Amino acid sequence: MGNTIGVILISYDVNRLHTDVKKSMSDMGYSDSFMFEGKSKTYYLPNTTLWHSKKSSNQAVDDLQGVCNSLGVSLEKAIAVLASEFNGI
């Protein structure tokens, strides 16, 4: 279902240790902000939403599950989508 490699957006809910989950995902190359080409403003995603430039949606969910398992955190829900074109404010 989600094997295409590209820009992936993943949003999730965990029961605790939100900051630790986000940090661990960040260490794996996920980011909580972006900039549009030619603009100097940084746009921040909602608290438990991240993106990665070179993953599949399957890989993103697997990464998140691995982080949650290693931290003993319950992953309540998550969705990862291929986001090759988007806009934000």
PDB file of N, CA and C in Angstrom:
ATOM      1  N   MET A   1       0.818  -1.200   0.000  1.00  0.00           N
ATOM      2  CA  MET A   1       0.000   0.000   0.000  1.00  0.00           C
ATOM      3  C   MET A   1       0.855   1.254   0.000  1.00  0.00           C
ATOM      4  N   GLY A   2       1.848   1.334   0.848  1.00  0.00           N
ATOM      5  CA  GLY A   2       2.622   2.552   0.956  1.00  0.00           C
ATOM      6  C   GLY A   2       4.103   2.340   0.749  1.00  0.00           C
ATOM      7  N   ASN A   3       4.487   1.910  -0.469  1.00  0.00           N
ATOM      8  CA  ASN A   3       5.892   1.607  -0.741  1.00  0.00           C
ATOM      9  C   ASN A   3       6.612   2.669  -1.548  1.00  0.00           C
ATOM     10  N   THR A   4       5.904   3.696  -2.017  1.00  0.00           N
ATOM     11  CA  THR A   4       6.511   4.747  -2.823  1.00  0.00           C
ATOM     12  C   THR A   4       7.383   5.633  -1.942  1.00  0.00           C
ATOM     13  N   ILE A   5       8.623   5.829  -2.349  1.00  0.00           N
ATOM     14  CA  ILE A   5       9.552   6.672  -1.599  1.00  0.00           C
ATOM     15  C   ILE A   5       9.352   8.119  -2.029  1.00  0.00           C
ATOM     16  N   GLY A   6       9.260   9.019  -1.062  1.00  0.00           N
ATOM     17  CA  GLY A   6       9.104  10.439  -1.357  1.00  0.00           C
ATOM     18  C   GLY A   6       8.941  11.222  -0.084  1.00  0.00           C
ATOM     19  N   VAL A   7       8.317  12.375  -0.196  1.00  0.00           N
ATOM     20  CA  VAL A   7       8.042  13.211   0.973  1.00  0.00           C
ATOM     21  C   VAL A   7       6.848  12.611   1.709  1.00  0.00           C
ATOM     22  N   ILE A   8       7.079  12.213   2.938  1.00  0.00           N
ATOM     23  CA  ILE A   8       6.049  11.576   3.756  1.00  0.00           C
ATOM     24  C   ILE A   8       5.684  12.493   4.913  1.00  0.00           C
ATOM     25  N   LEU A   9       4.394  12.619   5.147  1.00  0.00           N
ATOM     26  CA  LEU A   9       3.866  13.344   6.299  1.00  0.00           C
ATOM     27  C   LEU A   9       3.255  12.302   7.224  1.00  0.00           C
ATOM     28  N   ILE A  10       3.653  12.304   8.494  1.00  0.00           N
ATOM     29  CA  ILE A  10       3.114  11.351   9.457  1.00  0.00           C
ATOM     30  C   ILE A  10       2.568  12.110  10.661  1.00  0.00           C
ATOM     31  N   SER A  11       1.373  11.734  11.069  1.00  0.00           N
ATOM     32  CA  SER A  11       0.728  12.337  12.231  1.00  0.00           C
ATOM     33  C   SER A  11       0.328  11.200  13.163  1.00  0.00           C
ATOM     34  N   TYR A  12       0.460  11.420  14.460  1.00  0.00           N
ATOM     35  CA  TYR A  12       0.272  10.324  15.412  1.00  0.00           C
ATOM     36  C   TYR A  12      -0.187  10.835  16.767  1.00  0.00           C
ATOM     37  N   ASP A  13      -0.701   9.918  17.570  1.00  0.00           N
ATOM     38  CA  ASP A  13      -1.007  10.174  18.977  1.00  0.00           C
ATOM     39  C   ASP A  13      -0.350   9.088  19.807  1.00  0.00           C
ATOM     40  N   VAL A  14       0.310   9.491  20.869  1.00  0.00           N
ATOM     41  CA  VAL A  14       0.907   8.564  21.824  1.00  0.00           C
ATOM     42  C   VAL A  14       0.389   8.899  23.214  1.00  0.00           C
ATOM     43  N   ASN A  15       0.500   7.951  24.128  1.00  0.00           N
ATOM     44  CA  ASN A  15      -0.075   8.161  25.455  1.00  0.00           C
ATOM     45  C   ASN A  15       0.834   8.943  26.397  1.00  0.00           C
ATOM     46  N   ARG A  16       2.125   9.029  26.095  1.00  0.00           N
ATOM     47  CA  ARG A  16       3.049   9.754  26.965  1.00  0.00           C
ATOM     48  C   ARG A  16       4.380   9.945  26.238  1.00  0.00           C
ATOM     49  N   LEU A  17       5.280  10.685  26.866  1.00  0.00           N
ATOM     50  CA  LEU A  17       6.631  10.917  26.343  1.00  0.00           C
ATOM     51  C   LEU A  17       6.645  11.498  24.926  1.00  0.00           C
ATOM     52  N   HIS A  18       5.709  12.419  24.671  1.00  0.00           N
ATOM     53  CA  HIS A  18       5.609  13.038  23.342  1.00  0.00           C
ATOM     54  C   HIS A  18       6.936  13.644  22.883  1.00  0.00           C
ATOM     55  N   THR A  19       7.600  14.353  23.783  1.00  0.00           N
ATOM     56  CA  THR A  19       8.862  15.009  23.426  1.00  0.00           C
ATOM     57  C   THR A  19       9.937  13.988  23.088  1.00  0.00           C
ATOM     58  N   ASP A  20       9.984  12.891  23.824  1.00  0.00           N
ATOM     59  CA  ASP A  20      10.984  11.852  23.566  1.00  0.00           C
ATOM     60  C   ASP A  20      10.724  11.153  22.228  1.00  0.00           C
ATOM     61  N   VAL A  21       9.461  10.917  21.917  1.00  0.00           N
ATOM     62  CA  VAL A  21       9.112  10.307  20.632  1.00  0.00           C
ATOM     63  C   VAL A  21       9.535  11.232  19.499  1.00  0.00           C
ATOM     64  N   LYS A  22       9.205  12.504  19.627  1.00  0.00           N
ATOM     65  CA  LYS A  22       9.549  13.474  18.587  1.00  0.00           C
ATOM     66  C   LYS A  22      11.064  13.579  18.419  1.00  0.00           C
ATOM     67  N   LYS A  23      11.795  13.596  19.508  1.00  0.00           N
ATOM     68  CA  LYS A  23      13.267  13.677  19.461  1.00  0.00           C
ATOM     69  C   LYS A  23      13.848  12.449  18.767  1.00  0.00           C
ATOM     70  N   SER A  24      13.344  11.279  19.114  1.00  0.00           N
ATOM     71  CA  SER A  24      13.844  10.047  18.494  1.00  0.00           C
ATOM     72  C   SER A  24      13.555  10.030  16.996  1.00  0.00           C
ATOM     73  N   MET A  25      12.384  10.478  16.614  1.00  0.00           N
ATOM     74  CA  MET A  25      12.054  10.554  15.189  1.00  0.00           C
ATOM     75  C   MET A  25      12.929  11.590  14.490  1.00  0.00           C
ATOM     76  N   SER A  26      13.178  12.698  15.157  1.00  0.00           N
ATOM     77  CA  SER A  26      14.060  13.736  14.616  1.00  0.00           C
ATOM     78  C   SER A  26      15.467  13.178  14.386  1.00  0.00           C
ATOM     79  N   ASP A  27      15.937  12.354  15.310  1.00  0.00           N
ATOM     80  CA  ASP A  27      17.253  11.727  15.170  1.00  0.00           C
ATOM     81  C   ASP A  27      17.313  10.814  13.942  1.00  0.00           C
ATOM     82  N   MET A  28      16.142  10.381  13.460  1.00  0.00           N
ATOM     83  CA  MET A  28      16.056   9.507  12.286  1.00  0.00           C
ATOM     84  C   MET A  28      15.814  10.317  11.006  1.00  0.00           C
ATOM     85  N   GLY A  29      15.864  11.650  11.111  1.00  0.00           N
ATOM     86  CA  GLY A  29      15.745  12.495   9.930  1.00  0.00           C
ATOM     87  C   GLY A  29      14.379  13.114   9.701  1.00  0.00           C
ATOM     88  N   TYR A  30      13.451  12.907  10.631  1.00  0.00           N
ATOM     89  CA  TYR A  30      12.125  13.523  10.517  1.00  0.00           C
ATOM     90  C   TYR A  30      12.198  14.961  11.026  1.00  0.00           C
ATOM     91  N   SER A  31      11.342  15.814  10.487  1.00  0.00           N
ATOM     92  CA  SER A  31      11.355  17.224  10.868  1.00  0.00           C
ATOM     93  C   SER A  31       9.947  17.698  11.193  1.00  0.00           C
ATOM     94  N   ASP A  32       9.878  18.717  12.057  1.00  0.00           N
ATOM     95  CA  ASP A  32       8.583  19.291  12.431  1.00  0.00           C
ATOM     96  C   ASP A  32       8.353  20.659  11.791  1.00  0.00           C
ATOM     97  N   SER A  33       9.215  21.033  10.850  1.00  0.00           N
ATOM     98  CA  SER A  33       9.074  22.338  10.204  1.00  0.00           C
ATOM     99  C   SER A  33       9.565  22.250   8.763  1.00  0.00           C
ATOM    100  N   PHE A  34       9.212  23.255   7.977  1.00  0.00           N
ATOM    101  CA  PHE A  34       9.644  23.319   6.589  1.00  0.00           C
ATOM    102  C   PHE A  34       9.690  24.775   6.155  1.00  0.00           C
ATOM    103  N   MET A  35      10.355  25.013   5.029  1.00  0.00           N
ATOM    104  CA  MET A  35      10.404  26.334   4.402  1.00  0.00           C
ATOM    105  C   MET A  35      10.067  26.158   2.937  1.00  0.00           C
ATOM    106  N   PHE A  36       9.306  27.091   2.374  1.00  0.00           N
ATOM    107  CA  PHE A  36       9.046  27.070   0.942  1.00  0.00           C
ATOM    108  C   PHE A  36      10.250  27.663   0.235  1.00  0.00           C
ATOM    109  N   GLU A  37      10.539  27.150  -0.950  1.00  0.00           N
ATOM    110  CA  GLU A  37      11.661  27.645  -1.737  1.00  0.00           C
ATOM    111  C   GLU A  37      11.502  29.144  -1.986  1.00  0.00           C
ATOM    112  N   GLY A  38      12.568  29.884  -1.741  1.00  0.00           N
ATOM    113  CA  GLY A  38      12.557  31.319  -1.971  1.00  0.00           C
ATOM    114  C   GLY A  38      11.969  32.138  -0.834  1.00  0.00           C
ATOM    115  N   LYS A  39      11.523  31.487   0.225  1.00  0.00           N
ATOM    116  CA  LYS A  39      10.946  32.192   1.375  1.00  0.00           C
ATOM    117  C   LYS A  39      11.870  32.018   2.575  1.00  0.00           C
ATOM    118  N   SER A  40      11.854  32.982   3.473  1.00  0.00           N
ATOM    119  CA  SER A  40      12.707  32.888   4.659  1.00  0.00           C
ATOM    120  C   SER A  40      11.934  32.468   5.908  1.00  0.00           C
ATOM    121  N   LYS A  41      10.616  32.347   5.800  1.00  0.00           N
ATOM    122  CA  LYS A  41       9.790  31.977   6.945  1.00  0.00           C
ATOM    123  C   LYS A  41       9.804  30.463   7.161  1.00  0.00           C
ATOM    124  N   THR A  42       9.909  30.047   8.425  1.00  0.00           N
ATOM    125  CA  THR A  42       9.819  28.644   8.802  1.00  0.00           C
ATOM    126  C   THR A  42       8.393  28.344   9.227  1.00  0.00           C
ATOM    127  N   TYR A  43       7.832  27.268   8.688  1.00  0.00           N
ATOM    128  CA  TYR A  43       6.481  26.830   9.028  1.00  0.00           C
ATOM    129  C   TYR A  43       6.581  25.598   9.907  1.00  0.00           C
ATOM    130  N   TYR A  44       5.898  25.617  11.054  1.00  0.00           N
ATOM    131  CA  TYR A  44       5.928  24.492  11.983  1.00  0.00           C
ATOM    132  C   TYR A  44       4.647  23.679  11.862  1.00  0.00           C
ATOM    133  N   LEU A  45       4.812  22.368  11.831  1.00  0.00           N
ATOM    134  CA  LEU A  45       3.684  21.448  11.762  1.00  0.00           C
ATOM    135  C   LEU A  45       3.026  21.325  13.139  1.00  0.00           C
ATOM    136  N   PRO A  46       1.798  20.814  13.200  1.00  0.00           N
ATOM    137  CA  PRO A  46       1.170  20.548  14.501  1.00  0.00           C
ATOM    138  C   PRO A  46       2.063  19.641  15.359  1.00  0.00           C
ATOM    139  N   ASN A  47       1.853  19.663  16.656  1.00  0.00           N
ATOM    140  CA  ASN A  47       2.762  19.035  17.631  1.00  0.00           C
ATOM    141  C   ASN A  47       3.176  17.597  17.331  1.00  0.00           C
ATOM    142  N   THR A  48       2.269  16.750  16.944  1.00  0.00           N
ATOM    143  CA  THR A  48       2.630  15.349  16.702  1.00  0.00           C
ATOM    144  C   THR A  48       2.524  15.004  15.219  1.00  0.00           C
ATOM    145  N   THR A  49       3.020  15.909  14.394  1.00  0.00           N
ATOM    146  CA  THR A  49       3.084  15.698  12.951  1.00  0.00           C
ATOM    147  C   THR A  49       4.510  15.988  12.500  1.00  0.00           C
ATOM    148  N   LEU A  50       5.048  15.092  11.684  1.00  0.00           N
ATOM    149  CA  LEU A  50       6.417  15.217  11.193  1.00  0.00           C
ATOM    150  C   LEU A  50       6.444  14.892   9.703  1.00  0.00           C
ATOM    151  N   TRP A  51       7.557  15.214   9.065  1.00  0.00           N
ATOM    152  CA  TRP A  51       7.732  14.843   7.667  1.00  0.00           C
ATOM    153  C   TRP A  51       9.149  14.348   7.443  1.00  0.00           C
ATOM    154  N   HIS A  52       9.310  13.593   6.382  1.00  0.00           N
ATOM    155  CA  HIS A  52      10.627  13.081   5.981  1.00  0.00           C
ATOM    156  C   HIS A  52      10.695  13.143   4.458  1.00  0.00           C
ATOM    157  N   SER A  53      11.846  13.481   3.926  1.00  0.00           N
ATOM    158  CA  SER A  53      11.950  13.679   2.481  1.00  0.00           C
ATOM    159  C   SER A  53      12.152  12.399   1.677  1.00  0.00           C
ATOM    160  N   LYS A  54      12.561  11.306   2.310  1.00  0.00           N
ATOM    161  CA  LYS A  54      12.893  10.097   1.542  1.00  0.00           C
ATOM    162  C   LYS A  54      12.471   8.832   2.276  1.00  0.00           C
ATOM    163  N   LYS A  55      11.188   8.693   2.506  1.00  0.00           N
ATOM    164  CA  LYS A  55      10.640   7.492   3.147  1.00  0.00           C
ATOM    165  C   LYS A  55       9.377   7.086   2.403  1.00  0.00           C
ATOM    166  N   SER A  56       8.909   5.882   2.678  1.00  0.00           N
ATOM    167  CA  SER A  56       7.579   5.473   2.238  1.00  0.00           C
ATOM    168  C   SER A  56       6.660   5.580   3.447  1.00  0.00           C
ATOM    169  N   SER A  57       5.368   5.549   3.216  1.00  0.00           N
ATOM    170  CA  SER A  57       4.446   5.618   4.352  1.00  0.00           C
ATOM    171  C   SER A  57       4.607   4.379   5.232  1.00  0.00           C
ATOM    172  N   ASN A  58       4.884   3.222   4.633  1.00  0.00           N
ATOM    173  CA  ASN A  58       5.137   2.016   5.438  1.00  0.00           C
ATOM    174  C   ASN A  58       6.363   2.193   6.329  1.00  0.00           C
ATOM    175  N   GLN A  59       7.444   2.727   5.763  1.00  0.00           N
ATOM    176  CA  GLN A  59       8.661   2.944   6.546  1.00  0.00           C
ATOM    177  C   GLN A  59       8.417   3.918   7.692  1.00  0.00           C
ATOM    178  N   ALA A  60       7.659   4.975   7.439  1.00  0.00           N
ATOM    179  CA  ALA A  60       7.392   5.977   8.471  1.00  0.00           C
ATOM    180  C   ALA A  60       6.631   5.361   9.642  1.00  0.00           C
ATOM    181  N   VAL A  61       5.610   4.576   9.344  1.00  0.00           N
ATOM    182  CA  VAL A  61       4.846   3.929  10.421  1.00  0.00           C
ATOM    183  C   VAL A  61       5.730   2.917  11.152  1.00  0.00           C
ATOM    184  N   ASP A  62       6.530   2.162  10.407  1.00  0.00           N
ATOM    185  CA  ASP A  62       7.455   1.214  11.042  1.00  0.00           C
ATOM    186  C   ASP A  62       8.443   1.936  11.950  1.00  0.00           C
ATOM    187  N   ASP A  63       8.986   3.070  11.481  1.00  0.00           N
ATOM    188  CA  ASP A  63       9.917   3.855  12.309  1.00  0.00           C
ATOM    189  C   ASP A  63       9.239   4.303  13.601  1.00  0.00           C
ATOM    190  N   LEU A  64       8.021   4.818  13.477  1.00  0.00           N
ATOM    191  CA  LEU A  64       7.288   5.297  14.642  1.00  0.00           C
ATOM    192  C   LEU A  64       6.986   4.160  15.612  1.00  0.00           C
ATOM    193  N   GLN A  65       6.573   3.013  15.095  1.00  0.00           N
ATOM    194  CA  GLN A  65       6.306   1.866  15.957  1.00  0.00           C
ATOM    195  C   GLN A  65       7.576   1.425  16.683  1.00  0.00           C
ATOM    196  N   GLY A  66       8.697   1.432  15.983  1.00  0.00           N
ATOM    197  CA  GLY A  66       9.970   1.069  16.604  1.00  0.00           C
ATOM    198  C   GLY A  66      10.359   2.022  17.723  1.00  0.00           C
ATOM    199  N   VAL A  67      10.192   3.315  17.474  1.00  0.00           N
ATOM    200  CA  VAL A  67      10.496   4.315  18.507  1.00  0.00           C
ATOM    201  C   VAL A  67       9.593   4.116  19.718  1.00  0.00           C
ATOM    202  N   CYS A  68       8.314   3.946  19.476  1.00  0.00           N
ATOM    203  CA  CYS A  68       7.368   3.765  20.584  1.00  0.00           C
ATOM    204  C   CYS A  68       7.690   2.502  21.380  1.00  0.00           C
ATOM    205  N   ASN A  69       7.999   1.419  20.681  1.00  0.00           N
ATOM    206  CA  ASN A  69       8.363   0.182  21.376  1.00  0.00           C
ATOM    207  C   ASN A  69       9.609   0.363  22.226  1.00  0.00           C
ATOM    208  N   SER A  70      10.611   1.044  21.688  1.00  0.00           N
ATOM    209  CA  SER A  70      11.862   1.223  22.432  1.00  0.00           C
ATOM    210  C   SER A  70      11.681   2.120  23.654  1.00  0.00           C
ATOM    211  N   LEU A  71      10.714   3.035  23.596  1.00  0.00           N
ATOM    212  CA  LEU A  71      10.464   3.941  24.723  1.00  0.00           C
ATOM    213  C   LEU A  71       9.368   3.426  25.659  1.00  0.00           C
ATOM    214  N   GLY A  72       8.741   2.320  25.318  1.00  0.00           N
ATOM    215  CA  GLY A  72       7.647   1.794  26.131  1.00  0.00           C
ATOM    216  C   GLY A  72       6.411   2.671  26.086  1.00  0.00           C
ATOM    217  N   VAL A  73       6.186   3.279  24.926  1.00  0.00           N
ATOM    218  CA  VAL A  73       5.074   4.201  24.734  1.00  0.00           C
ATOM    219  C   VAL A  73       3.982   3.494  23.936  1.00  0.00           C
ATOM    220  N   SER A  74       2.735   3.777  24.263  1.00  0.00           N
ATOM    221  CA  SER A  74       1.620   3.224  23.506  1.00  0.00           C
ATOM    222  C   SER A  74       1.298   4.142  22.333  1.00  0.00           C
ATOM    223  N   LEU A  75       1.405   3.588  21.120  1.00  0.00           N
ATOM    224  CA  LEU A  75       1.038   4.315  19.910  1.00  0.00           C
ATOM    225  C   LEU A  75      -0.459   4.138  19.724  1.00  0.00           C
ATOM    226  N   GLU A  76      -1.214   5.198  19.952  1.00  0.00           N
ATOM    227  CA  GLU A  76      -2.668   5.113  19.929  1.00  0.00           C
ATOM    228  C   GLU A  76      -3.226   5.137  18.507  1.00  0.00           C
ATOM    229  N   LYS A  77      -2.645   5.975  17.651  1.00  0.00           N
ATOM    230  CA  LYS A  77      -3.052   6.023  16.250  1.00  0.00           C
ATOM    231  C   LYS A  77      -2.006   6.782  15.460  1.00  0.00           C
ATOM    232  N   ALA A  78      -1.978   6.491  14.162  1.00  0.00           N
ATOM    233  CA  ALA A  78      -1.030   7.168  13.286  1.00  0.00           C
ATOM    234  C   ALA A  78      -1.511   7.048  11.846  1.00  0.00           C
ATOM    235  N   ILE A  79      -1.141   8.041  11.057  1.00  0.00           N
ATOM    236  CA  ILE A  79      -1.388   7.993   9.619  1.00  0.00           C
ATOM    237  C   ILE A  79      -0.175   8.604   8.927  1.00  0.00           C
ATOM    238  N   ALA A  80       0.256   7.952   7.876  1.00  0.00           N
ATOM    239  CA  ALA A  80       1.372   8.454   7.080  1.00  0.00           C
ATOM    240  C   ALA A  80       0.917   8.518   5.628  1.00  0.00           C
ATOM    241  N   VAL A  81       1.197   9.645   4.982  1.00  0.00           N
ATOM    242  CA  VAL A  81       0.760   9.852   3.599  1.00  0.00           C
ATOM    243  C   VAL A  81       1.891  10.404   2.757  1.00  0.00           C
ATOM    244  N   LEU A  82       1.859  10.070   1.491  1.00  0.00           N
ATOM    245  CA  LEU A  82       2.778  10.634   0.526  1.00  0.00           C
ATOM    246  C   LEU A  82       2.334  12.068   0.261  1.00  0.00           C
ATOM    247  N   ALA A  83       3.212  13.027   0.476  1.00  0.00           N
ATOM    248  CA  ALA A  83       2.835  14.446   0.405  1.00  0.00           C
ATOM    249  C   ALA A  83       3.735  15.170  -0.603  1.00  0.00           C
ATOM    250  N   SER A  84       3.649  14.772  -1.841  1.00  0.00           N
ATOM    251  CA  SER A  84       4.540  15.351  -2.840  1.00  0.00           C
ATOM    252  C   SER A  84       4.191  16.781  -3.202  1.00  0.00           C
ATOM    253  N   GLU A  85       2.950  17.198  -2.944  1.00  0.00           N
ATOM    254  CA  GLU A  85       2.564  18.580  -3.187  1.00  0.00           C
ATOM    255  C   GLU A  85       1.691  19.043  -2.042  1.00  0.00           C
ATOM    256  N   PHE A  86       2.056  20.168  -1.444  1.00  0.00           N
ATOM    257  CA  PHE A  86       1.272  20.673  -0.314  1.00  0.00           C
ATOM    258  C   PHE A  86       1.476  22.169  -0.181  1.00  0.00           C
ATOM    259  N   ASN A  87       0.650  22.767   0.637  1.00  0.00           N
ATOM    260  CA  ASN A  87       0.744  24.190   0.957  1.00  0.00           C
ATOM    261  C   ASN A  87       0.488  24.333   2.445  1.00  0.00           C
ATOM    262  N   GLY A  88       0.890  25.392   3.047  1.00  0.00           N
ATOM    263  CA  GLY A  88       0.672  25.585   4.478  1.00  0.00           C
ATOM    264  C   GLY A  88       0.717  27.042   4.880  1.00  0.00           C
ATOM    265  N   ILE A  89       0.164  27.315   6.041  1.00  0.00           N
ATOM    266  CA  ILE A  89       0.215  28.667   6.614  1.00  0.00           C
ATOM    267  C   ILE A  89       0.652  28.593   8.058  1.00  0.00           C
TER     268      ILE A  89
END
